Protein backbone atom coordinates (compact mmCIF):
# COMPACT_ATOMS: atom_id res chain seq x y z
CA UNK A 1 0.09 -0.20 0.18
CA UNK A 2 2.94 2.40 0.85
CA UNK A 3 4.77 1.95 -2.17
CA UNK A 4 1.67 2.41 -4.51
CA UNK A 5 1.08 5.67 -2.30
CA UNK A 6 5.06 6.77 -3.23
CA UNK A 7 4.51 6.15 -6.78
CA UNK A 8 1.81 8.11 -7.11
CA UNK A 9 3.62 11.04 -5.77
CA UNK A 10 6.70 10.38 -8.17
CA UNK A 11 4.09 10.42 -10.87
CA UNK A 12 2.21 13.64 -9.44
CA UNK A 13 5.70 15.29 -9.15
CA UNK A 14 7.01 14.47 -12.72
CA UNK A 15 3.65 15.78 -14.16
CA UNK A 16 4.12 19.20 -12.17
CA UNK A 17 7.61 19.55 -13.62
CA UNK A 18 6.15 19.05 -17.11
CA UNK A 19 3.61 21.55 -16.64
CA UNK A 20 6.10 24.16 -15.12
CA UNK A 21 8.27 23.61 -18.32
CA UNK A 22 5.44 23.85 -20.81
CA UNK A 23 4.18 27.16 -18.77
CA UNK A 24 7.65 28.87 -18.93
CA UNK A 25 7.67 28.25 -22.69
CA UNK A 26 4.50 29.96 -22.82
CA UNK A 27 5.29 32.86 -21.21
CA UNK A 28 8.61 33.39 -23.53
CA UNK A 29 6.30 33.02 -26.36
CA UNK A 30 4.12 35.43 -25.17
CA UNK A 31 6.78 38.24 -24.33
CA UNK A 32 8.26 37.29 -27.66
CA UNK A 33 4.38 38.22 -28.81
CA UNK A 34 4.00 41.25 -27.04
CA UNK A 35 7.46 42.49 -28.47
CA UNK A 36 6.58 41.78 -32.03
CA UNK A 37 3.14 43.37 -31.45
CA UNK A 38 4.92 46.81 -29.96
CA UNK A 39 7.48 46.35 -32.64
CA UNK A 40 4.40 46.23 -35.30
CA UNK A 41 2.77 49.05 -34.02
CA UNK A 42 5.94 51.48 -33.33
CA UNK A 43 6.80 50.57 -37.49
CA UNK A 44 2.91 51.26 -38.56
CA UNK A 45 2.91 54.78 -36.35
CA UNK A 46 6.51 55.48 -38.11
CA UNK A 47 4.88 54.90 -41.41
CA UNK A 48 1.50 56.81 -40.46
CA UNK A 49 3.98 59.53 -39.37
CA UNK A 50 6.32 59.49 -42.42
CA UNK A 51 4.09 59.36 -45.36
CA UNK A 52 3.34 62.52 -45.42
CA UNK A 53 6.83 63.85 -46.43
CA UNK A 54 5.76 62.05 -49.94
CA UNK A 55 3.13 64.77 -50.50
CA UNK A 56 3.19 67.36 -53.10
CA UNK A 57 2.31 70.25 -50.97
CA UNK A 58 2.34 72.77 -53.67
CA UNK A 59 -1.35 71.39 -54.39
CA UNK A 60 -2.00 72.10 -50.64
CA UNK A 61 -0.99 75.76 -50.28
CA UNK A 62 -4.23 77.05 -50.72
CA UNK A 63 -5.55 74.98 -48.04
CA UNK A 64 -2.46 75.73 -45.88
CA UNK A 65 -2.52 79.67 -46.37
CA UNK A 66 -6.48 79.29 -45.15
CA UNK A 67 -5.27 77.76 -42.14
CA UNK A 68 -3.45 80.62 -41.33
CA UNK A 69 -5.70 83.27 -42.20
CA UNK A 70 -8.88 81.51 -40.45
CA UNK A 71 -6.90 80.80 -37.14
CA UNK A 72 -4.37 83.34 -36.71
CA UNK A 73 -5.45 86.43 -39.31
CA UNK A 74 -2.02 85.86 -40.73
CA UNK A 75 -2.02 86.43 -44.52
CA UNK A 76 0.78 84.81 -46.26
CA UNK A 77 2.36 86.87 -48.91
CA UNK A 78 3.05 85.28 -52.54
CA UNK A 79 4.03 81.62 -52.98
CA UNK A 80 5.25 79.64 -49.88
CA UNK A 81 7.72 77.23 -49.44
CA UNK A 82 6.15 74.12 -47.42
CA UNK A 83 7.79 70.72 -46.13
CA UNK A 84 6.90 68.14 -43.69
CA UNK A 85 8.52 67.60 -40.60
CA UNK A 86 8.39 64.78 -37.98
CA UNK A 87 10.35 65.66 -35.09
CA UNK A 88 9.88 67.00 -32.31
CA UNK A 89 6.19 66.69 -33.26
CA UNK A 90 4.50 66.64 -36.42
CA UNK A 91 4.29 69.83 -38.25
CA UNK A 92 4.47 71.79 -41.27
CA UNK A 93 7.16 74.62 -41.69
CA UNK A 94 7.02 77.40 -44.17
CA UNK A 95 10.33 78.89 -44.69
CA UNK A 96 11.43 82.62 -46.21
CA UNK A 97 7.83 83.99 -46.31
CA UNK A 98 6.64 87.51 -45.85
CA UNK A 99 3.63 87.70 -44.06
CA UNK A 100 1.01 90.24 -42.66
CA UNK A 101 -1.25 90.27 -39.70
CA UNK A 102 -4.74 91.37 -39.84
CA UNK A 103 -5.45 93.86 -42.71
CA UNK A 104 -2.11 95.06 -43.07
CA UNK A 105 -2.08 96.00 -38.83
CA UNK A 106 1.93 94.90 -39.09
CA UNK A 107 4.13 92.83 -41.58
CA UNK A 108 6.98 90.50 -40.53
CA UNK A 109 9.76 88.87 -42.53
CA UNK A 110 9.99 85.69 -41.23
CA UNK A 111 12.78 82.79 -41.53
CA UNK A 112 10.58 79.67 -40.47
CA UNK A 113 6.91 79.22 -39.28
CA UNK A 114 6.08 75.68 -38.07
CA UNK A 115 2.30 74.61 -37.86
CA UNK A 116 1.62 72.00 -35.29
CA UNK A 117 -0.40 69.25 -36.90
CA UNK A 118 -2.95 67.39 -34.75
CA UNK A 119 -2.21 63.35 -35.13
CA UNK A 120 -5.52 62.78 -36.41
CA UNK A 121 -5.12 65.37 -39.10
CA UNK A 122 -1.72 65.03 -40.54
CA UNK A 123 -2.88 63.89 -43.84
CA UNK A 124 -5.07 66.76 -44.21
CA UNK A 125 -7.59 64.95 -46.22
CA UNK A 126 -9.91 68.17 -46.03
CA UNK A 127 -8.37 70.69 -44.33
CA UNK A 128 -5.16 70.81 -41.98
CA UNK A 129 -5.85 71.56 -37.98
CA UNK A 130 -3.73 72.76 -35.39
CA UNK A 131 -4.07 74.61 -32.32
CA UNK A 132 -0.34 76.07 -32.47
CA UNK A 133 1.95 77.53 -34.76
CA UNK A 134 5.67 78.75 -33.99
CA UNK A 135 7.08 81.95 -35.73
CA UNK A 136 10.83 82.13 -35.41
CA UNK A 137 13.73 84.80 -36.15
CA UNK A 138 11.18 87.34 -37.94
CA UNK A 139 11.51 91.34 -38.02
CA UNK A 140 7.93 92.33 -36.93
CA UNK A 141 6.85 96.14 -38.16
CA UNK A 142 4.09 97.71 -36.48
CA UNK A 143 3.28 101.20 -37.26
CA UNK A 144 2.71 103.20 -33.77
CA UNK A 145 -1.15 103.94 -34.75
CA UNK A 146 -1.67 100.34 -35.42
CA UNK A 147 -0.32 99.05 -31.70
CA UNK A 148 -3.36 98.59 -30.11
CA UNK A 149 -5.21 96.95 -32.85
CA UNK A 150 -2.81 94.39 -32.96
CA UNK A 151 -2.40 93.74 -29.36
CA UNK A 152 -6.26 93.04 -29.38
CA UNK A 153 -5.89 90.73 -32.53
CA UNK A 154 -3.37 88.84 -30.69
CA UNK A 155 -5.67 88.70 -27.28
CA UNK A 156 -8.71 87.14 -28.92
CA UNK A 157 -7.21 84.37 -30.18
CA UNK A 158 -8.33 81.12 -28.98
CA UNK A 159 -5.37 79.73 -30.54
CA UNK A 160 -1.83 79.56 -29.44
CA UNK A 161 0.72 81.69 -31.45
CA UNK A 162 4.66 81.89 -30.06
CA UNK A 163 6.98 84.30 -31.72
CA UNK A 164 10.46 83.29 -30.85
CA UNK A 165 13.91 85.23 -31.30
CA UNK A 166 12.61 87.97 -33.33
CA UNK A 167 12.74 91.85 -33.62
CA UNK A 168 10.12 94.39 -32.84
CA UNK A 169 10.47 97.47 -34.79
CA UNK A 170 7.27 100.24 -34.06
CA UNK A 171 7.55 103.19 -36.18
CA UNK A 172 5.74 106.57 -36.54
CA UNK A 173 5.27 108.45 -39.37
CA UNK A 174 8.46 108.35 -40.56
CA UNK A 175 10.96 106.73 -38.49
CA UNK A 176 11.53 103.83 -35.85
CA UNK A 177 10.82 104.99 -32.61
CA UNK A 178 11.03 101.80 -30.60
CA UNK A 179 13.10 98.65 -31.30
CA UNK A 180 13.05 95.61 -29.08
CA UNK A 181 15.76 92.91 -29.68
CA UNK A 182 15.15 89.00 -28.89
CA UNK A 183 11.71 89.53 -28.87
CA UNK A 184 9.47 86.76 -27.84
CA UNK A 185 5.21 86.83 -27.43
CA UNK A 186 2.98 83.86 -26.55
CA UNK A 187 -0.57 83.89 -25.93
CA UNK A 188 -0.74 81.18 -23.31
CA UNK A 189 -4.66 81.17 -22.74
CA UNK A 190 -7.59 83.21 -24.11
CA UNK A 191 -7.14 87.05 -23.31
CA UNK A 192 -3.68 86.37 -21.52
CA UNK A 193 -0.32 87.20 -23.67
CA UNK A 194 3.17 87.32 -22.10
CA UNK A 195 6.14 89.05 -23.99
CA UNK A 196 9.87 89.89 -23.40
CA UNK A 197 12.82 91.06 -24.88
CA UNK A 198 15.68 93.44 -24.95
CA UNK A 199 14.97 97.81 -24.82
CA UNK A 200 18.51 99.25 -24.67
CA UNK A 201 20.27 96.24 -23.70
CA UNK A 202 18.00 95.86 -21.02
CA UNK A 203 15.36 92.60 -20.27
CA UNK A 204 11.70 93.61 -20.48
CA UNK A 205 9.12 91.54 -19.51
CA UNK A 206 5.29 92.11 -20.20
CA UNK A 207 2.46 90.27 -19.15
CA UNK A 208 -1.02 90.92 -19.89
CA UNK A 209 -4.75 89.29 -18.52
CA UNK A 210 -7.89 89.69 -18.32
CA UNK A 211 -9.65 90.42 -15.16
CA UNK A 212 -12.93 91.67 -13.98
CA UNK A 213 -13.13 95.15 -14.68
CA UNK A 214 -11.11 95.24 -17.99
CA UNK A 215 -7.11 94.22 -18.32
CA UNK A 216 -4.34 94.03 -16.48
CA UNK A 217 -0.85 94.66 -17.63
CA UNK A 218 2.37 94.38 -15.61
CA UNK A 219 5.97 95.22 -16.69
CA UNK A 220 9.14 94.17 -15.51
CA UNK A 221 12.78 95.76 -15.86
CA UNK A 222 14.92 93.67 -13.54
CA UNK A 223 17.85 95.55 -14.21
CA UNK A 224 16.87 98.79 -13.08
CA UNK A 225 14.36 97.30 -10.34
CA UNK A 226 11.10 98.65 -12.41
CA UNK A 227 7.71 97.13 -11.63
CA UNK A 228 4.49 98.80 -13.72
CA UNK A 229 1.22 97.67 -12.97
CA UNK A 230 -1.62 98.96 -15.12
CA UNK A 231 -5.57 98.59 -14.90
CA UNK A 232 -7.47 99.55 -17.88
CA UNK A 233 -11.47 99.50 -18.01
CA UNK A 234 -12.04 99.58 -21.49
CA UNK A 235 -15.80 99.09 -22.53
CA UNK A 236 -15.24 100.81 -25.87
CA UNK A 237 -12.01 99.76 -27.36
CA UNK A 238 -12.22 102.59 -29.95
CA UNK A 239 -13.40 105.82 -27.95
CA UNK A 240 -12.59 105.82 -24.33
CA UNK A 241 -11.20 104.06 -21.45
CA UNK A 242 -10.12 104.60 -17.68
CA UNK A 243 -7.60 103.21 -15.45
CA UNK A 244 -4.54 103.61 -12.99
CA UNK A 245 -1.11 102.84 -12.93
CA UNK A 246 1.20 101.61 -10.02
CA UNK A 247 5.04 101.46 -10.39
CA UNK A 248 8.17 101.65 -8.36
CA UNK A 249 11.51 102.41 -10.43
CA UNK A 250 14.78 102.78 -9.41
CA UNK A 251 13.66 103.62 -5.31
CA UNK A 252 10.98 106.07 -6.68
CA UNK A 253 7.20 105.34 -6.43
CA UNK A 254 4.66 106.40 -8.88
CA UNK A 255 1.12 106.40 -9.05
CA UNK A 256 -1.47 108.03 -10.86
CA UNK A 257 -5.38 107.58 -12.40
CA UNK A 258 -5.97 108.07 -16.32
CA UNK A 259 -8.60 108.83 -18.61
CA UNK A 260 -8.06 108.15 -22.24
CA UNK A 261 -10.28 109.53 -25.28
CA UNK A 262 -8.57 111.93 -27.74
CA UNK A 263 -6.04 112.93 -25.20
CA UNK A 264 -4.56 111.40 -22.03
CA UNK A 265 -5.95 112.90 -18.76
CA UNK A 266 -3.74 111.85 -15.34
CA UNK A 267 -5.27 113.00 -12.15
CA UNK A 268 -4.74 111.25 -8.47
CA UNK A 269 -1.05 111.45 -9.39
CA UNK A 270 2.36 111.34 -7.23
CA UNK A 271 5.93 110.58 -7.52
CA UNK A 272 7.75 110.06 -3.82
CA UNK A 273 11.10 109.12 -3.68
CA UNK A 274 13.90 110.41 -1.15
CA UNK A 275 14.66 113.61 -3.34
CA UNK A 276 11.30 114.61 -4.00
CA UNK A 277 7.44 114.51 -3.37
CA UNK A 278 4.93 115.91 -6.02
CA UNK A 279 1.57 115.46 -8.03
CA UNK A 280 1.74 115.77 -11.95
CA UNK A 281 -1.57 115.98 -12.96
CA UNK A 282 -2.31 117.16 -16.42
CA UNK A 283 -3.06 116.32 -20.46
CA UNK A 284 -0.77 114.45 -22.56
CA UNK A 285 -1.74 114.48 -26.49
CA UNK A 286 -0.18 112.33 -28.95
CA UNK A 287 -2.06 113.23 -31.98
CA UNK A 288 -1.13 115.06 -34.45
CA UNK A 289 1.73 115.40 -32.79
CA UNK A 290 3.22 115.01 -28.86
CA UNK A 291 2.09 117.82 -26.65
CA UNK A 292 1.96 117.99 -22.71
CA UNK A 293 0.52 120.06 -20.47
CA UNK A 294 1.61 119.30 -16.65
CA UNK A 295 1.45 120.50 -13.57
CA UNK A 296 4.12 119.68 -10.38
CA UNK A 297 2.91 120.78 -7.47
CA UNK A 298 5.78 119.58 -4.75
CA UNK A 299 5.47 119.81 -1.10
CA UNK A 300 8.86 118.03 -0.55
CA UNK A 301 12.01 118.88 -2.06
CA UNK A 302 15.53 117.42 -0.71
CA UNK A 303 17.56 120.15 -2.17
CA UNK A 304 21.03 118.32 -1.00
CA UNK A 305 20.33 115.20 -2.50
CA UNK A 306 19.33 117.05 -5.65
CA UNK A 307 22.17 118.92 -5.72
CA UNK A 308 24.03 115.66 -5.24
CA UNK A 309 22.49 113.78 -7.97
CA UNK A 310 22.90 116.64 -10.28
CA UNK A 311 26.83 116.77 -10.17
CA UNK A 312 26.62 113.23 -10.73
CA UNK A 313 25.01 113.53 -13.78
CA UNK A 314 27.50 116.38 -14.63
CA UNK A 315 30.17 114.33 -13.95
CA UNK A 316 29.39 111.18 -15.56
CA UNK A 317 27.37 112.36 -18.49
CA UNK A 318 28.47 115.18 -20.85
CA UNK A 319 26.33 118.05 -20.84
CA UNK A 320 27.18 118.21 -24.72
CA UNK A 321 25.58 115.38 -25.63
CA UNK A 322 22.22 116.86 -23.70
CA UNK A 323 19.45 117.04 -26.62
CA UNK A 324 15.45 117.23 -26.11
CA UNK A 325 13.68 115.55 -28.84
CA UNK A 326 12.40 118.54 -31.29
CA UNK A 327 9.04 116.41 -31.15
CA UNK A 328 8.46 116.63 -27.23
CA UNK A 329 6.29 119.96 -27.11
CA UNK A 330 4.33 121.61 -23.95
CA UNK A 331 4.42 123.31 -21.07
CA UNK A 332 5.74 122.16 -17.31
CA UNK A 333 4.14 124.59 -14.66
CA UNK A 334 5.86 124.21 -11.34
CA UNK A 335 4.87 125.32 -8.08
CA UNK A 336 6.62 124.88 -4.59
CA UNK A 337 5.03 126.41 -1.67
CA UNK A 338 7.21 125.29 1.11
CA UNK A 339 10.76 125.61 0.41
CA UNK A 340 12.83 125.07 3.76
CA UNK A 341 15.89 127.53 2.40
CA UNK A 342 17.19 130.48 3.86
CA UNK A 343 16.85 132.38 0.64
CA UNK A 344 14.05 131.11 -0.95
CA UNK A 345 10.46 130.21 0.24
CA UNK A 346 8.48 129.57 -2.99
CA UNK A 347 8.70 129.11 -6.19
CA UNK A 348 6.61 128.89 -9.35
CA UNK A 349 8.02 128.13 -12.54
CA UNK A 350 6.32 127.94 -16.21
CA UNK A 351 9.15 125.66 -18.71
CA UNK A 352 7.73 125.38 -22.07
CA UNK A 353 9.22 122.61 -24.32
CA UNK A 354 9.50 123.33 -28.11
CA UNK A 355 11.31 122.10 -30.97
CA UNK A 356 14.54 121.11 -28.77
CA UNK A 357 14.54 124.46 -26.69
CA UNK A 358 13.41 125.01 -23.23
CA UNK A 359 11.92 128.36 -22.42
CA UNK A 360 11.52 129.91 -18.76
CA UNK A 361 8.57 132.19 -18.73
CA UNK A 362 7.49 134.11 -15.48
CA UNK A 363 9.65 132.23 -13.06
CA UNK A 364 8.66 133.84 -9.56
CA UNK A 365 11.04 133.24 -6.78
CA UNK A 366 9.75 134.64 -3.23
CA UNK A 367 11.58 134.76 -0.29
CA UNK A 368 10.99 137.28 2.97
CA UNK A 369 13.34 139.91 2.43
CA UNK A 370 13.48 139.30 -2.19
CA UNK A 371 11.41 138.54 -5.14
CA UNK A 372 12.67 137.77 -7.87
CA UNK A 373 11.37 137.13 -11.54
CA UNK A 374 13.01 135.16 -14.34
CA UNK A 375 12.72 134.72 -17.78
CA UNK A 376 15.54 132.64 -20.18
CA UNK A 377 15.68 130.18 -22.93
CA UNK A 378 18.21 127.42 -23.97
CA UNK A 379 18.47 125.56 -27.39
CA UNK A 380 19.36 122.01 -26.23
CA UNK A 381 20.68 121.57 -30.01
CA UNK A 382 22.64 124.67 -30.07
CA UNK A 383 26.60 124.69 -30.44
CA UNK A 384 27.68 125.82 -27.20
CA UNK A 385 24.11 125.37 -24.88
CA UNK A 386 23.93 129.17 -23.93
CA UNK A 387 21.18 130.28 -21.43
CA UNK A 388 19.99 133.35 -22.26
CA UNK A 389 18.29 135.01 -19.55
CA UNK A 390 16.67 138.29 -17.94
CA UNK A 391 17.04 138.21 -13.75
CA UNK A 392 14.80 141.13 -11.68
CA UNK A 393 15.23 141.56 -8.14
CA UNK A 394 13.31 143.34 -5.93
CA UNK A 395 14.54 143.88 -2.38
CA UNK A 396 11.85 144.01 0.04
CA UNK A 397 13.85 144.27 3.30
CA UNK A 398 16.99 145.86 2.57
CA UNK A 399 18.31 145.47 6.09
CA UNK A 400 17.92 141.97 6.74
CA UNK A 401 19.27 141.30 3.31
CA UNK A 402 22.67 142.70 4.36
CA UNK A 403 22.32 140.53 7.89
CA UNK A 404 22.03 137.73 5.63
CA UNK A 405 25.19 138.56 3.97
CA UNK A 406 26.78 139.37 7.27
CA UNK A 407 27.68 142.89 5.89
CA UNK A 408 27.55 145.30 8.78
CA UNK A 409 27.90 149.09 8.99
CA UNK A 410 26.32 149.72 5.49
CA UNK A 411 23.30 150.43 3.85
CA UNK A 412 21.70 149.98 0.67
CA UNK A 413 19.94 152.02 -1.83
CA UNK A 414 19.44 149.60 -4.12
CA UNK A 415 15.75 148.73 -4.53
CA UNK A 416 15.85 146.80 -7.76
CA UNK A 417 18.61 144.98 -9.85
CA UNK A 418 17.64 143.78 -13.45
CA UNK A 419 20.28 141.46 -15.20
CA UNK A 420 20.30 140.87 -19.04
CA UNK A 421 22.99 138.17 -19.20
CA UNK A 422 24.16 134.87 -21.01
CA UNK A 423 25.46 131.79 -19.10
CA UNK A 424 27.60 129.00 -20.98
CA UNK A 425 26.90 125.90 -19.23
CA UNK A 426 29.67 123.72 -20.95
CA UNK A 427 32.69 126.34 -20.09
CA UNK A 428 31.23 127.85 -17.11
CA UNK A 429 31.53 131.22 -18.75
CA UNK A 430 28.99 133.99 -17.85
CA UNK A 431 28.44 137.21 -20.34
CA UNK A 432 26.76 140.59 -18.80
CA UNK A 433 24.75 142.16 -21.50
CA UNK A 434 23.17 144.75 -18.97
CA UNK A 435 23.12 145.01 -15.57
CA UNK A 436 20.66 147.68 -14.44
CA UNK A 437 20.26 149.15 -10.93
CA UNK A 438 16.79 151.25 -9.88
CA UNK A 439 15.68 150.96 -13.04
CA UNK A 440 17.75 153.72 -14.54
CA UNK A 441 21.65 153.30 -13.26
CA UNK A 442 23.17 151.21 -16.09
CA UNK A 443 26.55 149.48 -14.82
CA UNK A 444 29.89 150.26 -16.95
CA UNK A 445 31.96 147.98 -19.07
CA UNK A 446 34.37 147.95 -16.04
CA UNK A 447 31.97 147.32 -13.47
CA UNK A 448 30.54 144.31 -15.46
CA UNK A 449 33.77 142.92 -16.26
CA UNK A 450 34.75 142.96 -12.39
CA UNK A 451 31.23 141.09 -11.78
CA UNK A 452 31.88 138.56 -14.24
CA UNK A 453 35.53 137.76 -12.59
CA UNK A 454 33.88 137.17 -9.19
CA UNK A 455 30.95 135.51 -10.68
CA UNK A 456 33.30 132.93 -12.47
CA UNK A 457 35.71 132.55 -9.88
CA UNK A 458 33.05 132.18 -6.73
CA UNK A 459 29.63 130.87 -8.23
CA UNK A 460 30.46 128.94 -11.45
CA UNK A 461 33.91 127.74 -10.71
CA UNK A 462 32.76 124.46 -10.63
CA UNK A 463 29.92 124.12 -12.62
CA UNK A 464 26.76 125.85 -13.46
CA UNK A 465 24.76 124.25 -10.59
CA UNK A 466 26.52 126.84 -8.40
CA UNK A 467 23.74 129.33 -9.41
CA UNK A 468 21.06 127.72 -6.75
CA UNK A 469 24.07 127.12 -4.13
CA UNK A 470 23.13 129.75 -1.28
CA UNK A 471 26.56 129.72 0.26
CA UNK A 472 28.21 130.30 -3.24
CA UNK A 473 25.59 132.83 -4.32
CA UNK A 474 25.96 134.76 -0.73
CA UNK A 475 29.74 134.75 -0.90
CA UNK A 476 29.64 136.54 -4.26
CA UNK A 477 27.31 139.46 -3.12
CA UNK A 478 29.51 139.85 -0.13
CA UNK A 479 32.29 140.06 -2.47
CA UNK A 480 30.57 142.92 -4.62
CA UNK A 481 29.16 144.97 -1.75
CA UNK A 482 32.24 144.90 0.91
């Protein structure tokens, strides 16, 4: 009985070994089968992706142009050269083509356009379909008047457009006014745009997106620590919109509200830094030419730091190269009601900019003991940078004037001084045309030469900014009155 049981076990064991052997062989065959299936699918998929390389795309040119026009509002000008690329994803590639956006809102010379195809549509039996195009190595040219319309064209696209490694050129009526290198633009989502590039070798990053009230634009210029946030409520894209701007730039805080129709109205404004705190409400017009009328109402000015900044500018920047664009025209009305200077308490000044010239008209300077009026002009495009001026000084309290100048045991018979002169701000020289005392006493040439010598030695010996240095002007008057 026991022998039969042992034989039965041995028989069963041999059967299990055979079964395991058969199972192992089946697994091996199954793995090979899977590998063959995968290779077959890869081969079929590769063939599926590669066959479009054999197509004649000249016959499909019309369909491809329609795809660009209907999906991206881009018109390809003249004949296009199209090839099919498999990697990195299936795409149609157009090279060396001129295109226009919208109805000639902008034009671009393009080295390469990649139309990213849907896998299910790479054969394009009826018409090609895409959700994205990539434009590379292009020069995008836009007229300033079309810039806003181009922005809204890109903003409203429901398909993705990417512009890479390009140049953006914005021009006015006759010449370029803005150029951005290494320009990149991408509409990441509907109503959301991101762009960046280099302006004057400084990286600029701009993003625009939809908010409940309208649009928000963020601008960053990392190299100079600039952050600008603009909110726009634009109910009618063509006529009227309102908004506000908040910005920080080089340790300066700027804020203002605005209304834009035919002109830009600025209100609720301020600029704050460690030198000045002022508003700058007013009007700016861009059509038919650039014109501004702004009111600077300052309540805090740090004159010590302002002088330091001016000295640094003159040290590192040649005033010979200082020129104001002839197309910048307008009026800057400056009011300082609480000046904490010994010789000056209040100032009202009108600066008129016209064709590269700066005119000072009816500048009033008030103190306890003096009232002063200044009119003058400087042509920033002139060869010598001469400041022609007439300066009128009324002495209200002559005793206190002498006291401020530390002049004792002396009286003044002068009630008014009128100076007609030319100051060369490049060479730190002055020429007195005429000096009148009490409206009728005209100084002799000898006296004028003496004043000229002392003024150049004491006041403008370092630079022309000595004219606003209280100590230097005080030393000058002490010298000539003693």
